[in-house]
Each structure stands twice: as structure tokens, then as C-alpha cells.
N, C-alpha and C. Protein backbone atom coordinates (compact mmCIF):
# COMPACT_ATOMS: atom_id res chain seq x y z
N MET A 1 0.83 -1.19 0.00
CA MET A 1 0.00 -0.01 -0.03
C MET A 1 0.88 1.26 -0.01
N ALA A 2 1.94 1.28 0.81
CA ALA A 2 2.78 2.48 0.85
C ALA A 2 3.42 2.76 -0.51
N GLY A 3 3.77 1.70 -1.22
CA GLY A 3 4.34 1.89 -2.56
C GLY A 3 3.40 2.60 -3.49
N ASP A 4 2.09 2.28 -3.40
CA ASP A 4 1.09 2.95 -4.22
C ASP A 4 1.01 4.43 -3.93
N THR A 5 1.08 4.82 -2.68
CA THR A 5 1.02 6.22 -2.30
C THR A 5 2.22 6.97 -2.84
N ARG A 6 3.39 6.40 -2.68
CA ARG A 6 4.61 7.08 -3.19
C ARG A 6 4.52 7.23 -4.71
N THR A 7 4.06 6.20 -5.40
CA THR A 7 3.93 6.31 -6.86
C THR A 7 2.94 7.39 -7.24
N LYS A 8 1.81 7.47 -6.52
CA LYS A 8 0.79 8.46 -6.77
C LYS A 8 1.40 9.86 -6.68
N PHE A 9 2.19 10.12 -5.66
CA PHE A 9 2.79 11.45 -5.49
C PHE A 9 3.91 11.71 -6.49
N ARG A 10 4.61 10.69 -6.92
CA ARG A 10 5.67 10.88 -7.91
C ARG A 10 5.06 11.22 -9.26
N ILE A 11 3.96 10.63 -9.58
CA ILE A 11 3.30 10.83 -10.87
C ILE A 11 2.60 12.19 -10.92
N LYS A 12 1.99 12.59 -9.84
CA LYS A 12 1.25 13.85 -9.82
C LYS A 12 2.18 15.02 -10.00
N LYS A 13 1.85 15.87 -10.96
CA LYS A 13 2.67 17.04 -11.24
C LYS A 13 2.37 18.09 -10.14
N ILE A 14 3.40 18.54 -9.47
CA ILE A 14 3.26 19.53 -8.42
C ILE A 14 3.43 20.93 -9.04
N HIS A 15 2.46 21.77 -8.82
CA HIS A 15 2.49 23.15 -9.36
C HIS A 15 3.34 24.00 -8.41
N ARG A 16 4.39 24.60 -8.97
CA ARG A 16 5.27 25.45 -8.17
C ARG A 16 5.13 26.91 -8.66
N GLY A 17 4.03 27.50 -8.36
CA GLY A 17 3.82 28.89 -8.67
C GLY A 17 4.54 29.77 -7.67
N SER A 18 4.42 31.07 -7.84
CA SER A 18 5.15 32.03 -6.99
C SER A 18 4.81 31.87 -5.50
N GLN A 19 3.55 31.49 -5.20
CA GLN A 19 3.15 31.36 -3.82
C GLN A 19 3.95 30.23 -3.14
N VAL A 20 4.14 29.12 -3.86
CA VAL A 20 4.85 27.98 -3.29
C VAL A 20 6.33 28.34 -3.15
N VAL A 21 6.91 28.96 -4.18
CA VAL A 21 8.34 29.31 -4.13
C VAL A 21 8.60 30.32 -3.02
N PHE A 22 7.72 31.33 -2.91
CA PHE A 22 7.86 32.34 -1.83
C PHE A 22 7.78 31.66 -0.48
N GLY A 23 6.87 30.72 -0.29
CA GLY A 23 6.76 29.99 0.96
C GLY A 23 8.00 29.16 1.29
N GLU A 24 8.54 28.52 0.26
CA GLU A 24 9.77 27.74 0.43
C GLU A 24 10.89 28.67 0.90
N ARG A 25 11.05 29.83 0.21
CA ARG A 25 12.11 30.74 0.56
C ARG A 25 11.91 31.28 1.99
N ALA A 26 10.71 31.62 2.38
CA ALA A 26 10.44 32.11 3.74
C ALA A 26 10.81 31.06 4.75
N HIS A 27 10.51 29.83 4.46
CA HIS A 27 10.85 28.75 5.38
C HIS A 27 12.36 28.62 5.49
N LEU A 28 13.03 28.65 4.38
CA LEU A 28 14.52 28.56 4.40
C LEU A 28 15.15 29.70 5.16
N GLN A 29 14.56 30.89 5.04
CA GLN A 29 15.07 32.06 5.76
C GLN A 29 14.87 31.85 7.26
N GLU A 30 13.81 31.26 7.66
CA GLU A 30 13.58 30.98 9.08
C GLU A 30 14.57 29.95 9.57
N VAL A 31 14.81 28.91 8.78
CA VAL A 31 15.80 27.89 9.14
C VAL A 31 17.20 28.54 9.29
N LEU A 32 17.53 29.42 8.38
CA LEU A 32 18.81 30.14 8.43
C LEU A 32 18.93 30.89 9.73
N ARG A 33 17.89 31.63 10.11
CA ARG A 33 17.93 32.37 11.38
C ARG A 33 18.15 31.40 12.55
N SER A 34 17.50 30.27 12.50
CA SER A 34 17.62 29.26 13.55
C SER A 34 19.05 28.71 13.64
N VAL A 35 19.62 28.40 12.50
CA VAL A 35 21.00 27.88 12.46
C VAL A 35 21.97 28.95 12.97
N GLN A 36 21.75 30.19 12.58
CA GLN A 36 22.64 31.27 13.03
C GLN A 36 22.64 31.40 14.54
N ARG A 37 21.53 31.12 15.19
CA ARG A 37 21.44 31.22 16.66
C ARG A 37 21.87 29.93 17.35
N ALA A 38 21.99 28.86 16.62
CA ALA A 38 22.28 27.53 17.22
C ALA A 38 23.71 27.40 17.69
N GLN A 39 23.87 26.60 18.75
CA GLN A 39 25.17 26.27 19.26
C GLN A 39 25.66 25.05 18.48
N LEU A 40 26.45 25.27 17.44
CA LEU A 40 26.95 24.18 16.61
C LEU A 40 28.46 24.34 16.45
N PRO A 41 29.17 23.25 16.14
CA PRO A 41 30.61 23.41 15.84
C PRO A 41 30.75 24.39 14.69
N ARG A 42 31.75 25.27 14.79
CA ARG A 42 31.93 26.38 13.83
C ARG A 42 31.92 25.91 12.37
N ALA A 43 32.66 24.92 12.03
CA ALA A 43 32.75 24.45 10.65
C ALA A 43 31.38 23.99 10.14
N ARG A 44 30.68 23.21 10.93
CA ARG A 44 29.35 22.74 10.54
C ARG A 44 28.40 23.89 10.38
N LYS A 45 28.41 24.84 11.32
CA LYS A 45 27.51 26.00 11.28
C LYS A 45 27.77 26.82 10.00
N LEU A 46 29.02 27.07 9.72
CA LEU A 46 29.33 27.85 8.48
C LEU A 46 28.90 27.09 7.23
N ALA A 47 29.10 25.79 7.22
CA ALA A 47 28.69 25.00 6.04
C ALA A 47 27.19 25.02 5.86
N GLU A 48 26.44 24.87 6.94
CA GLU A 48 24.99 24.91 6.87
C GLU A 48 24.48 26.30 6.44
N ILE A 49 25.10 27.34 6.96
CA ILE A 49 24.72 28.70 6.58
C ILE A 49 24.96 28.93 5.10
N ARG A 50 26.12 28.51 4.60
CA ARG A 50 26.42 28.66 3.15
C ARG A 50 25.39 27.92 2.30
N GLN A 51 25.08 26.70 2.71
CA GLN A 51 24.12 25.90 1.94
C GLN A 51 22.71 26.56 1.98
N LEU A 52 22.31 27.01 3.12
CA LEU A 52 20.99 27.67 3.21
C LEU A 52 20.93 28.94 2.36
N LYS A 53 22.00 29.72 2.40
CA LYS A 53 22.05 30.95 1.59
C LYS A 53 21.97 30.60 0.11
N ARG A 54 22.62 29.55 -0.31
CA ARG A 54 22.54 29.14 -1.76
C ARG A 54 21.11 28.72 -2.10
N MET A 55 20.47 28.01 -1.20
CA MET A 55 19.09 27.58 -1.45
C MET A 55 18.14 28.79 -1.49
N ILE A 56 18.35 29.76 -0.61
CA ILE A 56 17.54 30.96 -0.59
C ILE A 56 17.74 31.72 -1.90
N GLU A 57 18.99 31.85 -2.33
CA GLU A 57 19.28 32.56 -3.60
C GLU A 57 18.64 31.86 -4.80
N THR A 58 18.60 30.53 -4.75
CA THR A 58 17.96 29.75 -5.84
C THR A 58 16.48 30.08 -5.87
N ARG A 59 15.83 30.13 -4.69
CA ARG A 59 14.40 30.48 -4.67
C ARG A 59 14.15 31.90 -5.12
N THR A 60 15.05 32.81 -4.80
CA THR A 60 14.94 34.19 -5.32
C THR A 60 15.08 34.22 -6.79
N GLN A 61 15.97 33.46 -7.37
CA GLN A 61 16.10 33.38 -8.83
C GLN A 61 14.82 32.79 -9.45
N ASP A 62 14.27 31.79 -8.77
CA ASP A 62 12.98 31.21 -9.25
C ASP A 62 11.90 32.28 -9.28
N LEU A 63 11.79 33.14 -8.25
CA LEU A 63 10.82 34.19 -8.25
C LEU A 63 11.08 35.20 -9.35
N ASN A 64 12.35 35.48 -9.61
CA ASN A 64 12.71 36.43 -10.67
C ASN A 64 12.39 35.86 -12.08
N ARG A 65 12.20 34.57 -12.17
CA ARG A 65 11.82 33.99 -13.47
C ARG A 65 10.35 34.30 -13.74
N PHE A 66 9.56 34.44 -12.67
CA PHE A 66 8.17 34.87 -12.86
C PHE A 66 8.13 36.33 -13.38
N SER A 67 9.00 37.12 -12.78
CA SER A 67 9.06 38.54 -13.12
C SER A 67 10.40 39.10 -12.66
N PRO A 68 11.15 39.78 -13.54
CA PRO A 68 12.38 40.37 -13.08
C PRO A 68 12.11 41.32 -11.88
N ALA A 69 13.01 41.33 -10.95
CA ALA A 69 12.87 42.21 -9.75
C ALA A 69 11.57 41.86 -8.97
N TRP A 70 11.27 40.57 -8.85
CA TRP A 70 10.03 40.15 -8.24
C TRP A 70 9.88 40.69 -6.85
N ASN A 71 10.92 40.68 -6.02
CA ASN A 71 10.81 41.18 -4.64
C ASN A 71 10.37 42.63 -4.63
N ARG A 72 10.95 43.46 -5.50
CA ARG A 72 10.56 44.89 -5.54
C ARG A 72 9.10 45.05 -5.92
N LYS A 73 8.63 44.28 -6.89
CA LYS A 73 7.22 44.35 -7.31
C LYS A 73 6.29 43.87 -6.18
N PHE A 74 6.69 42.82 -5.50
CA PHE A 74 5.86 42.29 -4.41
C PHE A 74 5.74 43.34 -3.32
N GLN A 75 6.87 43.99 -2.95
CA GLN A 75 6.82 45.03 -1.91
C GLN A 75 5.98 46.21 -2.40
N GLN A 76 6.12 46.58 -3.67
CA GLN A 76 5.37 47.67 -4.21
C GLN A 76 3.87 47.36 -4.18
N ALA A 77 3.47 46.15 -4.54
CA ALA A 77 2.10 45.73 -4.55
C ALA A 77 1.51 45.74 -3.13
N ARG A 78 2.34 45.53 -2.15
CA ARG A 78 1.83 45.53 -0.73
C ARG A 78 1.85 46.91 -0.13
N ASN A 79 2.43 47.91 -0.81
CA ASN A 79 2.56 49.25 -0.24
C ASN A 79 1.26 50.03 -0.47
N PRO A 80 0.61 50.53 0.56
CA PRO A 80 -0.63 51.27 0.39
C PRO A 80 -0.46 52.57 -0.43
N GLN A 81 0.75 53.03 -0.57
CA GLN A 81 1.01 54.26 -1.32
C GLN A 81 1.11 54.02 -2.84
N THR A 82 1.16 52.76 -3.26
CA THR A 82 1.27 52.46 -4.68
C THR A 82 0.01 52.90 -5.40
N THR A 83 0.18 53.53 -6.54
CA THR A 83 -0.98 54.08 -7.27
C THR A 83 -1.68 53.03 -8.12
N SER A 84 -2.87 53.36 -8.51
CA SER A 84 -3.67 52.47 -9.39
C SER A 84 -2.90 52.19 -10.68
N GLN A 85 -2.27 53.22 -11.25
CA GLN A 85 -1.55 53.01 -12.52
C GLN A 85 -0.37 52.07 -12.33
N GLN A 86 0.35 52.17 -11.22
CA GLN A 86 1.49 51.26 -10.96
C GLN A 86 0.95 49.84 -10.80
N LEU A 87 -0.16 49.65 -10.10
CA LEU A 87 -0.75 48.33 -9.94
C LEU A 87 -1.21 47.75 -11.30
N LEU A 88 -1.78 48.62 -12.13
CA LEU A 88 -2.23 48.18 -13.44
C LEU A 88 -1.06 47.72 -14.28
N ARG A 89 0.05 48.47 -14.25
CA ARG A 89 1.25 48.07 -15.03
C ARG A 89 1.77 46.72 -14.56
N MET A 90 1.81 46.54 -13.24
CA MET A 90 2.28 45.23 -12.71
C MET A 90 1.35 44.11 -13.14
N GLY A 91 0.04 44.35 -13.06
CA GLY A 91 -0.95 43.33 -13.42
C GLY A 91 -0.95 43.00 -14.87
N SER A 92 -0.64 43.96 -15.72
CA SER A 92 -0.67 43.70 -17.15
C SER A 92 0.50 42.85 -17.61
N ALA A 93 1.57 42.83 -16.82
CA ALA A 93 2.74 42.03 -17.17
C ALA A 93 2.87 40.78 -16.29
N LEU A 94 1.78 40.39 -15.64
CA LEU A 94 1.78 39.29 -14.70
C LEU A 94 2.00 37.94 -15.38
N HIS A 95 2.94 37.21 -14.87
CA HIS A 95 3.21 35.83 -15.36
C HIS A 95 2.03 34.93 -14.93
N ALA A 96 1.67 34.02 -15.78
CA ALA A 96 0.52 33.14 -15.53
C ALA A 96 0.64 32.35 -14.21
N ASP A 97 1.85 32.02 -13.80
CA ASP A 97 2.03 31.27 -12.57
C ASP A 97 2.36 32.14 -11.34
N ASP A 98 2.26 33.47 -11.48
CA ASP A 98 2.58 34.35 -10.38
C ASP A 98 1.29 34.61 -9.58
N TYR A 99 0.78 33.52 -8.92
CA TYR A 99 -0.41 33.57 -8.16
C TYR A 99 -0.32 34.53 -6.99
N LEU A 100 0.85 34.58 -6.34
CA LEU A 100 0.97 35.37 -5.13
C LEU A 100 0.90 36.85 -5.47
N LEU A 101 1.60 37.31 -6.50
CA LEU A 101 1.50 38.71 -6.87
C LEU A 101 0.08 39.06 -7.33
N ALA A 102 -0.56 38.18 -8.04
CA ALA A 102 -1.95 38.42 -8.45
C ALA A 102 -2.85 38.57 -7.25
N ARG A 103 -2.63 37.74 -6.27
CA ARG A 103 -3.49 37.80 -5.05
C ARG A 103 -3.25 39.12 -4.31
N VAL A 104 -1.99 39.55 -4.19
CA VAL A 104 -1.68 40.80 -3.49
C VAL A 104 -2.23 42.00 -4.28
N LEU A 105 -2.14 41.93 -5.59
CA LEU A 105 -2.68 43.06 -6.42
C LEU A 105 -4.20 43.21 -6.18
N THR A 106 -4.89 42.07 -6.10
CA THR A 106 -6.35 42.14 -5.92
C THR A 106 -6.78 42.44 -4.50
N GLU A 107 -5.82 42.45 -3.57
CA GLU A 107 -6.12 42.82 -2.19
C GLU A 107 -5.88 44.34 -1.96
N HIS A 108 -5.19 44.97 -2.87
CA HIS A 108 -4.79 46.38 -2.70
C HIS A 108 -6.04 47.26 -2.80
N ALA A 109 -6.15 48.21 -1.87
CA ALA A 109 -7.30 49.11 -1.85
C ALA A 109 -7.42 49.98 -3.11
N GLU A 110 -6.31 50.26 -3.75
CA GLU A 110 -6.30 51.07 -4.97
C GLU A 110 -6.32 50.29 -6.26
N ALA A 111 -6.56 49.00 -6.15
CA ALA A 111 -6.61 48.19 -7.39
C ALA A 111 -7.61 48.76 -8.36
N PRO A 112 -7.19 49.12 -9.59
CA PRO A 112 -8.13 49.77 -10.52
C PRO A 112 -9.14 48.77 -11.07
N PRO A 113 -10.30 49.25 -11.46
CA PRO A 113 -11.34 48.36 -11.99
C PRO A 113 -10.86 47.51 -13.17
N GLU A 114 -10.02 48.13 -14.04
CA GLU A 114 -9.51 47.37 -15.21
C GLU A 114 -8.69 46.17 -14.79
N LEU A 115 -7.92 46.32 -13.76
CA LEU A 115 -7.10 45.22 -13.25
C LEU A 115 -8.00 44.14 -12.66
N LEU A 116 -8.98 44.55 -11.86
CA LEU A 116 -9.86 43.59 -11.24
C LEU A 116 -10.67 42.82 -12.32
N GLU A 117 -11.09 43.52 -13.35
CA GLU A 117 -11.78 42.87 -14.43
C GLU A 117 -10.89 41.85 -15.13
N HIS A 118 -9.63 42.25 -15.35
CA HIS A 118 -8.65 41.35 -16.01
C HIS A 118 -8.40 40.09 -15.16
N LEU A 119 -8.38 40.26 -13.85
CA LEU A 119 -8.05 39.12 -12.97
C LEU A 119 -9.26 38.33 -12.49
N ALA A 120 -10.46 38.72 -12.90
CA ALA A 120 -11.69 38.06 -12.54
C ALA A 120 -11.74 36.61 -13.00
N SER A 121 -10.99 36.27 -14.02
CA SER A 121 -10.97 34.91 -14.55
C SER A 121 -9.65 34.20 -14.30
N HIS A 122 -8.89 34.70 -13.33
CA HIS A 122 -7.62 34.11 -12.99
C HIS A 122 -7.79 32.66 -12.59
N PRO A 123 -6.83 31.78 -12.89
CA PRO A 123 -6.99 30.37 -12.51
C PRO A 123 -6.96 30.07 -11.01
N TYR A 124 -6.42 30.95 -10.23
CA TYR A 124 -6.31 30.71 -8.81
C TYR A 124 -7.55 31.21 -8.07
N PRO A 125 -8.26 30.34 -7.35
CA PRO A 125 -9.53 30.74 -6.71
C PRO A 125 -9.40 31.94 -5.74
N ALA A 126 -8.31 32.05 -5.01
CA ALA A 126 -8.19 33.16 -4.04
C ALA A 126 -8.17 34.53 -4.77
N VAL A 127 -7.63 34.54 -5.96
CA VAL A 127 -7.61 35.78 -6.76
C VAL A 127 -9.03 36.15 -7.16
N ARG A 128 -9.78 35.17 -7.67
CA ARG A 128 -11.19 35.43 -8.06
C ARG A 128 -12.02 35.86 -6.86
N GLU A 129 -11.76 35.23 -5.70
CA GLU A 129 -12.50 35.59 -4.50
C GLU A 129 -12.21 37.06 -4.09
N ASN A 130 -10.94 37.47 -4.19
CA ASN A 130 -10.58 38.84 -3.89
C ASN A 130 -11.30 39.82 -4.84
N VAL A 131 -11.40 39.46 -6.11
CA VAL A 131 -12.06 40.30 -7.07
C VAL A 131 -13.55 40.41 -6.70
N ALA A 132 -14.16 39.32 -6.31
CA ALA A 132 -15.60 39.29 -6.00
C ALA A 132 -15.90 40.17 -4.77
N ARG A 133 -14.95 40.33 -3.86
CA ARG A 133 -15.21 41.13 -2.67
C ARG A 133 -14.69 42.54 -2.75
N HIS A 134 -13.90 42.84 -3.76
CA HIS A 134 -13.24 44.18 -3.86
C HIS A 134 -14.24 45.27 -4.23
N PRO A 135 -14.25 46.37 -3.44
CA PRO A 135 -15.21 47.43 -3.70
C PRO A 135 -15.05 48.18 -5.02
N ARG A 136 -13.92 48.01 -5.69
CA ARG A 136 -13.70 48.69 -6.97
C ARG A 136 -13.98 47.82 -8.18
N THR A 137 -14.47 46.61 -7.95
CA THR A 137 -14.79 45.72 -9.07
C THR A 137 -16.01 46.24 -9.79
N PRO A 138 -15.93 46.35 -11.14
CA PRO A 138 -17.05 46.87 -11.92
C PRO A 138 -18.31 46.02 -11.71
N ALA A 139 -19.46 46.68 -11.76
CA ALA A 139 -20.76 45.99 -11.54
C ALA A 139 -20.95 44.87 -12.55
N ALA A 140 -20.55 45.05 -13.80
CA ALA A 140 -20.78 44.01 -14.84
C ALA A 140 -19.95 42.76 -14.46
N VAL A 141 -18.77 42.94 -13.90
CA VAL A 141 -17.92 41.80 -13.50
C VAL A 141 -18.55 41.10 -12.30
N LEU A 142 -19.06 41.85 -11.36
CA LEU A 142 -19.73 41.27 -10.19
C LEU A 142 -20.97 40.50 -10.62
N LEU A 143 -21.70 41.03 -11.55
CA LEU A 143 -22.91 40.33 -12.04
C LEU A 143 -22.51 38.99 -12.69
N ALA A 144 -21.50 38.99 -13.54
CA ALA A 144 -21.03 37.78 -14.17
C ALA A 144 -20.55 36.75 -13.13
N MET A 145 -19.83 37.24 -12.12
CA MET A 145 -19.33 36.32 -11.08
C MET A 145 -20.49 35.72 -10.27
N ALA A 146 -21.51 36.51 -10.03
CA ALA A 146 -22.65 36.07 -9.26
C ALA A 146 -23.48 35.03 -10.03
N GLU A 147 -23.43 35.08 -11.35
CA GLU A 147 -24.22 34.16 -12.19
C GLU A 147 -23.46 32.90 -12.57
N ASP A 148 -22.16 32.86 -12.25
CA ASP A 148 -21.33 31.72 -12.60
C ASP A 148 -21.77 30.48 -11.76
N ALA A 149 -22.32 29.56 -12.42
CA ALA A 149 -22.83 28.36 -11.71
C ALA A 149 -21.70 27.44 -11.26
N ASN A 150 -20.51 27.58 -11.85
CA ASN A 150 -19.39 26.70 -11.47
C ASN A 150 -18.72 27.08 -10.16
N GLU A 151 -18.93 28.30 -9.71
CA GLU A 151 -18.28 28.73 -8.48
C GLU A 151 -19.29 29.45 -7.57
N PRO A 152 -19.12 29.25 -6.29
CA PRO A 152 -20.04 29.96 -5.34
C PRO A 152 -19.55 31.40 -5.01
N LEU A 153 -19.07 32.15 -5.98
CA LEU A 153 -18.62 33.50 -5.71
C LEU A 153 -19.78 34.47 -5.44
N TRP A 154 -20.99 34.05 -5.71
CA TRP A 154 -22.14 34.90 -5.53
C TRP A 154 -22.28 35.34 -4.06
N PHE A 155 -21.83 34.49 -3.14
CA PHE A 155 -21.93 34.84 -1.73
C PHE A 155 -21.04 36.05 -1.44
N LEU A 156 -19.83 36.09 -2.02
CA LEU A 156 -18.92 37.22 -1.79
C LEU A 156 -19.48 38.46 -2.47
N VAL A 157 -20.05 38.27 -3.64
CA VAL A 157 -20.67 39.42 -4.35
C VAL A 157 -21.82 40.00 -3.53
N ALA A 158 -22.57 39.15 -2.91
CA ALA A 158 -23.71 39.59 -2.07
C ALA A 158 -23.26 40.45 -0.93
N CYS A 159 -22.07 40.24 -0.46
CA CYS A 159 -21.53 41.01 0.66
C CYS A 159 -20.72 42.23 0.22
N ASN A 160 -20.55 42.39 -1.08
CA ASN A 160 -19.75 43.47 -1.60
C ASN A 160 -20.64 44.74 -1.64
N PRO A 161 -20.28 45.77 -0.86
CA PRO A 161 -21.14 46.97 -0.80
C PRO A 161 -21.16 47.76 -2.13
N SER A 162 -20.28 47.42 -3.05
CA SER A 162 -20.29 48.12 -4.32
C SER A 162 -21.15 47.42 -5.37
N ALA A 163 -21.62 46.25 -5.06
CA ALA A 163 -22.49 45.54 -5.98
C ALA A 163 -23.79 46.31 -6.10
N PRO A 164 -24.43 46.34 -7.28
CA PRO A 164 -25.74 47.03 -7.36
C PRO A 164 -26.71 46.49 -6.33
N SER A 165 -27.47 47.38 -5.73
CA SER A 165 -28.35 46.99 -4.62
C SER A 165 -29.35 45.91 -5.03
N ASP A 166 -29.91 45.97 -6.24
CA ASP A 166 -30.85 44.90 -6.68
C ASP A 166 -30.17 43.55 -6.73
N LEU A 167 -28.92 43.54 -7.19
CA LEU A 167 -28.15 42.26 -7.25
C LEU A 167 -27.87 41.78 -5.84
N ARG A 168 -27.44 42.65 -4.94
CA ARG A 168 -27.16 42.26 -3.56
C ARG A 168 -28.41 41.73 -2.89
N ASN A 169 -29.53 42.38 -3.10
CA ASN A 169 -30.83 41.92 -2.50
C ASN A 169 -31.20 40.54 -3.04
N ARG A 170 -31.06 40.35 -4.36
CA ARG A 170 -31.41 39.04 -4.95
C ARG A 170 -30.53 37.97 -4.39
N LEU A 171 -29.23 38.26 -4.26
CA LEU A 171 -28.30 37.27 -3.73
C LEU A 171 -28.49 37.00 -2.24
N ARG A 172 -28.87 38.02 -1.52
CA ARG A 172 -29.17 37.79 -0.09
C ARG A 172 -30.41 36.93 0.11
N GLU A 173 -31.37 37.07 -0.80
CA GLU A 173 -32.53 36.18 -0.76
C GLU A 173 -32.08 34.72 -1.03
N ARG A 174 -31.14 34.57 -1.97
CA ARG A 174 -30.63 33.25 -2.28
C ARG A 174 -29.95 32.69 -1.04
N MET A 175 -29.24 33.54 -0.28
CA MET A 175 -28.56 33.08 0.93
C MET A 175 -29.58 32.52 1.95
N LYS A 176 -30.70 33.20 2.07
CA LYS A 176 -31.71 32.79 3.00
C LYS A 176 -32.30 31.43 2.64
N GLN A 177 -32.36 31.18 1.33
CA GLN A 177 -32.91 29.90 0.83
C GLN A 177 -31.93 28.78 0.77
N SER A 178 -30.60 29.13 0.91
CA SER A 178 -29.57 28.17 0.83
C SER A 178 -29.63 27.20 1.99
N PRO A 179 -29.44 25.90 1.74
CA PRO A 179 -29.50 24.88 2.82
C PRO A 179 -28.37 25.04 3.84
N ASN A 180 -27.29 25.74 3.46
CA ASN A 180 -26.12 25.88 4.36
C ASN A 180 -26.25 27.08 5.28
N SER A 181 -27.30 27.92 5.11
CA SER A 181 -27.38 29.10 5.94
C SER A 181 -28.10 28.87 7.24
């Protein structure tokens, strides 16, 4: 039985988008901090630190394959002072597997409607969910998301104060009739 499980995981293609690579790098950075504080023989400690720094640099290079200067763009996307136009420029050049930057762009308070419309059909569910709840998402996009039978985004649209009131009221009625409410 254990052999079957190992084979299943070997065969399954693992998606390594920006979110996974960023998480790996953050974990390696934490391990590096731990090793730096550890009481280890000097030679071993230095060897482990060198190896961890190489692994962190490799993850940084992986992130830069999604987009040159990925760290700078990520920090800029998280900065509340970043303008709508800057966010739109970043979003228009977004790599298909850069799920983390897409998610952060759709969380930004200044995300422009054009960017939100563009990312409404993103393959990563968390990005679409952010678009459905964002107050700057265009009404036509919210309507389309609410009517999509393949995803339950209508619930988030119903709670979006920028959705047209008739749409919000209709969706709230649906919530009351939903068996999960």
C-alpha cells in the first residue's frame, strides 16, 4: 500500500507557482535564522549557513523567473502608497504562474477596476474571491461572477457593498434559501 502512495505522489505534477516558491524561501530564511542562533561546531555551522544561503538565492532566482525584480514588485504591490496606474502596469505584465502577486494586487485598496476585471478569470480561486469582494470591481464583473454556476462567488458578491443593490438583494434572498445558511 505504501508503494502505491509514493507512486501516486511521484506521478502527480506539483504546481510550483510564486506562492509555493515564496513559501519555500520564507521557510529557508527561518531555518537560516535558527542555524545562526544555534550552538553548533563552527565548521558545521558555516557549512549549513552557506548551503541555506545558496538555497535561498535559488528560490529568489525562481521568483525572478516569474518577473524580473520580483521582490521589488511584491513590496510595491503591498505598499498602500502604490498608485492604481502602478498596480495596473504590474498586473498587465503578470506571469501566468505568479499567483501570489496576483493575489496581493487584488487585495490592494487602490486596485483599478480594469485590473480587477482582467483578474476576474484568474486560474487561482483566491484571486477570483478577492475580485468578488473588492469594492472597486465593476458591476458588470460582479454580475457575471454572481451568475457563474461553477463557483459559489455569488456569496462574496452579495456582501460586496459596491455591487448594485438589486443584485445584492437578490443574492441575499438566495442566501436565506440556501440549505447551508
